Amino acid sequence: MHLALISESIGIVEQGGVIVWVQLILAIFGSIFICERMFFFHRARINVADLLIGLGNHIKKKAFAEARHEAARAPGPVARIAHTVLIRPEMIRSDLRDIAQEAGQMEMPRIERNIRAILGVALLTPLLGMLGTILGLVDVFQKMNERVGVAGPAELSSGVFQSLVTTALGLMIAIVMYLFYLYFHGRARRLMYRLERAGIEIVNLVCDTRLEEERRACEKSQTTPNP
């Protein structure tokens, strides 16, 4: 039964013509892009709150080397932004925010990678289906012209079949690819929001800890009696 289904599918593809093969190649590339994005967003899944708590414990102890080491070990773009900020803990708040923002912008190409390619497959496959429809109709009219306007159903079936197969296949691939595009686009937007939020929070942790240390040093100097 499986062999019969496979042979029938191969026969449909062969009757669909070159356009069907191009659509299938695009579908294969689109599937590769989808798998790559699935793997990327799976690796990017990290509990930001737990990461910030762990980094905050090191920062409050002024253990920036340990904080950098923990950020370097953690996977994902949030940890990379935190590591970029922790390299320069002595800078003022505004400069650190700029650094965090620039680090987030550097992550955008990684986050948006191949998402537009999935959209491209979703847009191209139905257009190729329309092209296949036109080519199939051209084939039908050519056969009618050869028969002086009269042709049997068997002679016209190949062109009509090509029109139907390319259109249906193009729409099926486009629907699936566009749904995955919307899904990945939404995940990319949410990840960018988490990056911005994590960057601001790590900057606040560094600067607030530094201000608290300066305040304690000032209070200690005021309470120390003069000799």
Protein backbone atom coordinates (compact mmCIF):
# COMPACT_ATOMS: atom_id res chain seq x y z
CA MET A 1 0.00 0.00 0.00
CA HIS A 2 2.82 2.37 0.86
CA LEU A 3 4.63 1.56 -2.37
CA ALA A 4 1.49 2.23 -4.37
CA LEU A 5 1.04 5.58 -2.63
CA ILE A 6 4.67 6.52 -3.28
CA SER A 7 4.48 5.56 -6.94
CA GLU A 8 1.23 7.50 -7.32
CA SER A 9 2.81 10.57 -5.75
CA ILE A 10 5.82 10.28 -8.06
CA GLY A 11 3.46 9.98 -11.03
CA ILE A 12 1.62 13.15 -9.98
CA VAL A 13 4.90 15.01 -9.65
CA GLU A 14 6.08 13.85 -13.05
CA GLN A 15 2.83 14.88 -14.70
CA GLY A 16 2.98 18.26 -12.98
CA GLY A 17 6.06 19.19 -14.96
CA VAL A 18 9.15 21.22 -14.10
CA ILE A 19 7.20 23.75 -12.01
CA VAL A 20 6.29 21.05 -9.48
CA TRP A 21 9.95 20.10 -9.06
CA VAL A 22 10.85 23.75 -8.45
CA GLN A 23 8.08 24.02 -5.86
CA LEU A 24 9.28 20.88 -4.11
CA ILE A 25 12.85 22.19 -4.02
CA LEU A 26 11.61 25.42 -2.46
CA ALA A 27 9.59 23.39 0.05
CA ILE A 28 12.72 21.42 1.00
CA PHE A 29 14.70 24.64 1.55
CA GLY A 30 11.81 26.06 3.54
CA SER A 31 11.73 22.94 5.72
CA ILE A 32 15.47 23.29 6.37
CA PHE A 33 14.97 26.94 7.38
CA ILE A 34 12.12 25.93 9.70
CA CYS A 35 14.22 23.25 11.41
CA GLU A 36 17.09 25.71 11.85
CA ARG A 37 14.80 28.31 13.45
CA MET A 38 13.20 25.69 15.70
CA PHE A 39 16.65 24.71 16.96
CA PHE A 40 17.69 28.35 17.45
CA PHE A 41 14.63 29.37 19.47
CA HIS A 42 14.86 26.17 21.49
CA ARG A 43 18.42 27.07 22.49
CA ALA A 44 17.38 30.66 23.15
CA ARG A 45 14.82 29.50 25.72
CA ILE A 46 16.31 30.47 29.04
CA ASN A 47 14.72 31.64 32.25
CA VAL A 48 15.73 35.30 32.25
CA ALA A 49 14.66 35.81 35.85
CA ASP A 50 16.87 32.96 37.11
CA LEU A 51 19.81 34.24 35.07
CA LEU A 52 19.44 37.77 36.43
CA ILE A 53 19.13 36.49 40.00
CA GLY A 54 22.32 34.48 39.63
CA LEU A 55 24.17 37.41 38.07
CA GLY A 56 22.76 39.80 40.66
CA ASN A 57 24.17 37.71 43.51
CA HIS A 58 27.66 37.96 42.00
CA ILE A 59 27.30 41.65 41.19
CA LYS A 60 26.24 42.54 44.74
CA LYS A 61 29.40 40.84 45.96
CA LYS A 62 31.45 42.77 43.37
CA ALA A 63 32.42 39.40 41.91
CA PHE A 64 32.28 40.58 38.29
CA ALA A 65 34.65 37.86 37.10
CA GLU A 66 32.27 35.16 38.38
CA ALA A 67 29.30 37.04 36.88
CA ARG A 68 31.03 37.21 33.49
CA HIS A 69 31.88 33.53 33.69
CA GLU A 70 28.26 32.60 34.45
CA ALA A 71 26.99 34.80 31.61
CA ALA A 72 29.52 33.26 29.21
CA ARG A 73 28.41 29.73 30.13
CA ALA A 74 24.69 30.44 29.72
CA PRO A 75 23.30 29.93 26.19
CA GLY A 76 21.27 32.44 24.22
CA PRO A 77 21.36 36.13 23.31
CA VAL A 78 20.26 37.36 26.75
CA ALA A 79 23.39 35.95 28.33
CA ARG A 80 25.55 37.47 25.60
CA ILE A 81 24.11 40.93 26.24
CA ALA A 82 24.68 40.52 29.98
CA HIS A 83 28.26 39.47 29.33
CA THR A 84 28.82 42.54 27.13
CA VAL A 85 27.60 44.85 29.91
CA LEU A 86 29.58 43.05 32.62
CA ILE A 87 32.84 43.56 30.75
CA ARG A 88 32.61 47.32 31.49
CA PRO A 89 31.02 47.63 34.97
CA GLU A 90 32.84 50.89 35.73
CA MET A 91 31.06 52.93 33.03
CA ILE A 92 28.20 55.32 33.79
CA ARG A 93 24.56 54.25 33.44
CA SER A 94 23.87 56.02 30.15
CA ASP A 95 26.94 54.50 28.49
CA LEU A 96 26.08 51.05 29.76
CA ARG A 97 22.55 51.40 28.37
CA ASP A 98 23.98 52.32 25.00
CA ILE A 99 26.24 49.28 25.13
CA ALA A 100 23.30 47.02 26.02
CA GLN A 101 21.23 48.51 23.20
CA GLU A 102 24.04 48.04 20.68
CA ALA A 103 24.53 44.45 21.84
CA GLY A 104 20.81 43.83 21.35
CA GLN A 105 20.96 45.25 17.84
CA MET A 106 23.89 42.95 17.09
CA GLU A 107 21.67 40.01 18.02
CA MET A 108 18.90 41.00 15.58
CA PRO A 109 20.48 39.37 12.49
CA ARG A 110 20.80 36.10 14.41
CA ILE A 111 17.20 36.27 15.60
CA GLU A 112 15.73 37.21 12.22
CA ARG A 113 17.92 34.84 10.22
CA ASN A 114 16.03 32.70 7.66
CA ILE A 115 12.64 34.09 8.73
CA ARG A 116 12.42 36.22 5.60
CA ALA A 117 13.55 33.21 3.58
CA ILE A 118 10.53 31.27 4.89
CA LEU A 119 8.33 34.19 3.87
CA GLY A 120 10.00 34.16 0.45
CA VAL A 121 9.10 30.50 -0.03
CA ALA A 122 5.53 31.25 1.03
CA LEU A 123 5.30 34.02 -1.58
CA LEU A 124 7.07 32.26 -4.44
CA THR A 125 5.33 28.88 -4.43
CA PRO A 126 1.82 30.18 -5.27
CA LEU A 127 3.30 32.42 -7.97
CA LEU A 128 4.98 29.37 -9.44
CA GLY A 129 1.62 27.62 -9.21
CA MET A 130 0.04 30.40 -11.26
CA LEU A 131 2.88 30.08 -13.76
CA GLY A 132 2.25 26.34 -13.97
CA THR A 133 -1.44 27.03 -14.56
CA ILE A 134 -0.65 29.37 -17.43
CA LEU A 135 1.80 26.89 -18.95
CA GLY A 136 -0.78 24.13 -18.66
CA LEU A 137 -3.41 26.25 -20.40
CA VAL A 138 -0.90 27.16 -23.11
CA ASP A 139 -0.33 23.46 -23.66
CA VAL A 140 -4.07 22.90 -23.93
CA PHE A 141 -4.50 25.65 -26.52
CA GLN A 142 -1.51 24.40 -28.49
CA LYS A 143 -3.07 20.96 -28.75
CA MET A 144 -6.40 22.46 -29.75
CA ASN A 145 -4.64 24.49 -32.43
CA GLU A 146 -2.93 21.39 -33.74
CA ARG A 147 -6.31 19.67 -33.98
CA VAL A 148 -7.92 22.71 -35.63
CA GLY A 149 -9.88 23.64 -32.52
CA VAL A 150 -10.98 20.09 -31.70
CA ALA A 151 -9.18 17.81 -29.24
CA GLY A 152 -10.21 14.83 -27.16
CA PRO A 153 -10.26 14.75 -23.35
CA ALA A 154 -7.27 12.42 -23.20
CA GLU A 155 -5.16 14.81 -25.21
CA LEU A 156 -6.10 17.80 -23.08
CA SER A 157 -5.86 16.10 -19.68
CA SER A 158 -2.11 16.57 -19.30
CA GLY A 159 -2.28 20.37 -19.57
CA VAL A 160 -5.30 20.66 -17.30
CA PHE A 161 -3.74 18.28 -14.79
CA GLN A 162 -0.54 20.32 -14.73
CA SER A 163 -2.58 23.45 -14.06
CA LEU A 164 -4.41 21.87 -11.12
CA VAL A 165 -1.36 20.20 -9.57
CA THR A 166 0.90 23.26 -9.62
CA THR A 167 -1.81 25.53 -8.23
CA ALA A 168 -2.83 23.14 -5.44
CA LEU A 169 0.73 22.31 -4.47
CA GLY A 170 1.76 25.96 -4.48
CA LEU A 171 -1.12 26.92 -2.21
CA MET A 172 -0.46 24.06 0.21
CA ILE A 173 3.22 24.92 0.55
CA ALA A 174 2.47 28.64 0.86
CA ILE A 175 -0.09 28.13 3.64
CA VAL A 176 2.27 25.99 5.72
CA MET A 177 5.26 28.29 5.19
CA TYR A 178 3.29 31.44 5.98
CA LEU A 179 1.97 29.95 9.22
CA PHE A 180 5.53 29.13 10.28
CA TYR A 181 6.62 32.64 9.26
CA LEU A 182 3.97 34.19 11.52
CA TYR A 183 4.99 31.88 14.35
CA PHE A 184 8.71 32.68 14.09
CA HIS A 185 8.02 36.39 13.57
CA GLY A 186 6.06 36.46 16.81
CA ARG A 187 8.77 34.58 18.68
CA ALA A 188 11.42 36.94 17.33
CA ARG A 189 9.45 39.98 18.51
CA ARG A 190 9.02 38.50 21.99
CA LEU A 191 12.69 37.58 22.18
CA MET A 192 13.73 41.12 21.20
CA TYR A 193 11.50 42.50 23.96
CA ARG A 194 13.13 40.16 26.49
CA LEU A 195 16.56 41.28 25.28
CA GLU A 196 15.74 44.95 25.80
CA ARG A 197 14.27 44.27 29.22
CA ALA A 198 17.19 42.08 30.30
CA GLY A 199 19.70 44.68 29.10
CA ILE A 200 18.04 47.43 31.14
CA GLU A 201 17.82 45.24 34.24
CA ILE A 202 21.45 44.15 34.11
CA VAL A 203 22.53 47.79 33.70
CA ASN A 204 20.40 48.75 36.69
CA LEU A 205 21.92 45.94 38.74
CA VAL A 206 25.45 47.08 38.02
CA CYS A 207 24.79 50.78 38.54
CA ASP A 208 22.60 50.37 41.64
CA THR A 209 25.20 48.12 43.27
CA ARG A 210 27.89 50.67 42.52
CA LEU A 211 25.79 53.52 43.93
CA GLU A 212 25.01 51.50 47.04
CA GLU A 213 28.70 50.86 47.59
CA GLU A 214 29.50 54.56 47.15
CA ARG A 215 26.74 55.49 49.62
CA ARG A 216 28.07 53.09 52.21
CA ALA A 217 31.59 54.37 51.72
CA CYS A 218 30.34 57.94 52.16
CA GLU A 219 28.43 57.06 55.34
CA LYS A 220 31.45 55.22 56.71
CA SER A 221 33.71 58.20 56.08
CA GLN A 222 31.22 60.51 57.81
CA THR A 223 30.93 58.32 60.89
CA THR A 224 34.70 57.85 61.20
CA PRO A 225 36.03 60.34 63.82
CA ASN A 226 38.73 62.70 62.76
CA PRO A 227 42.11 62.19 64.52
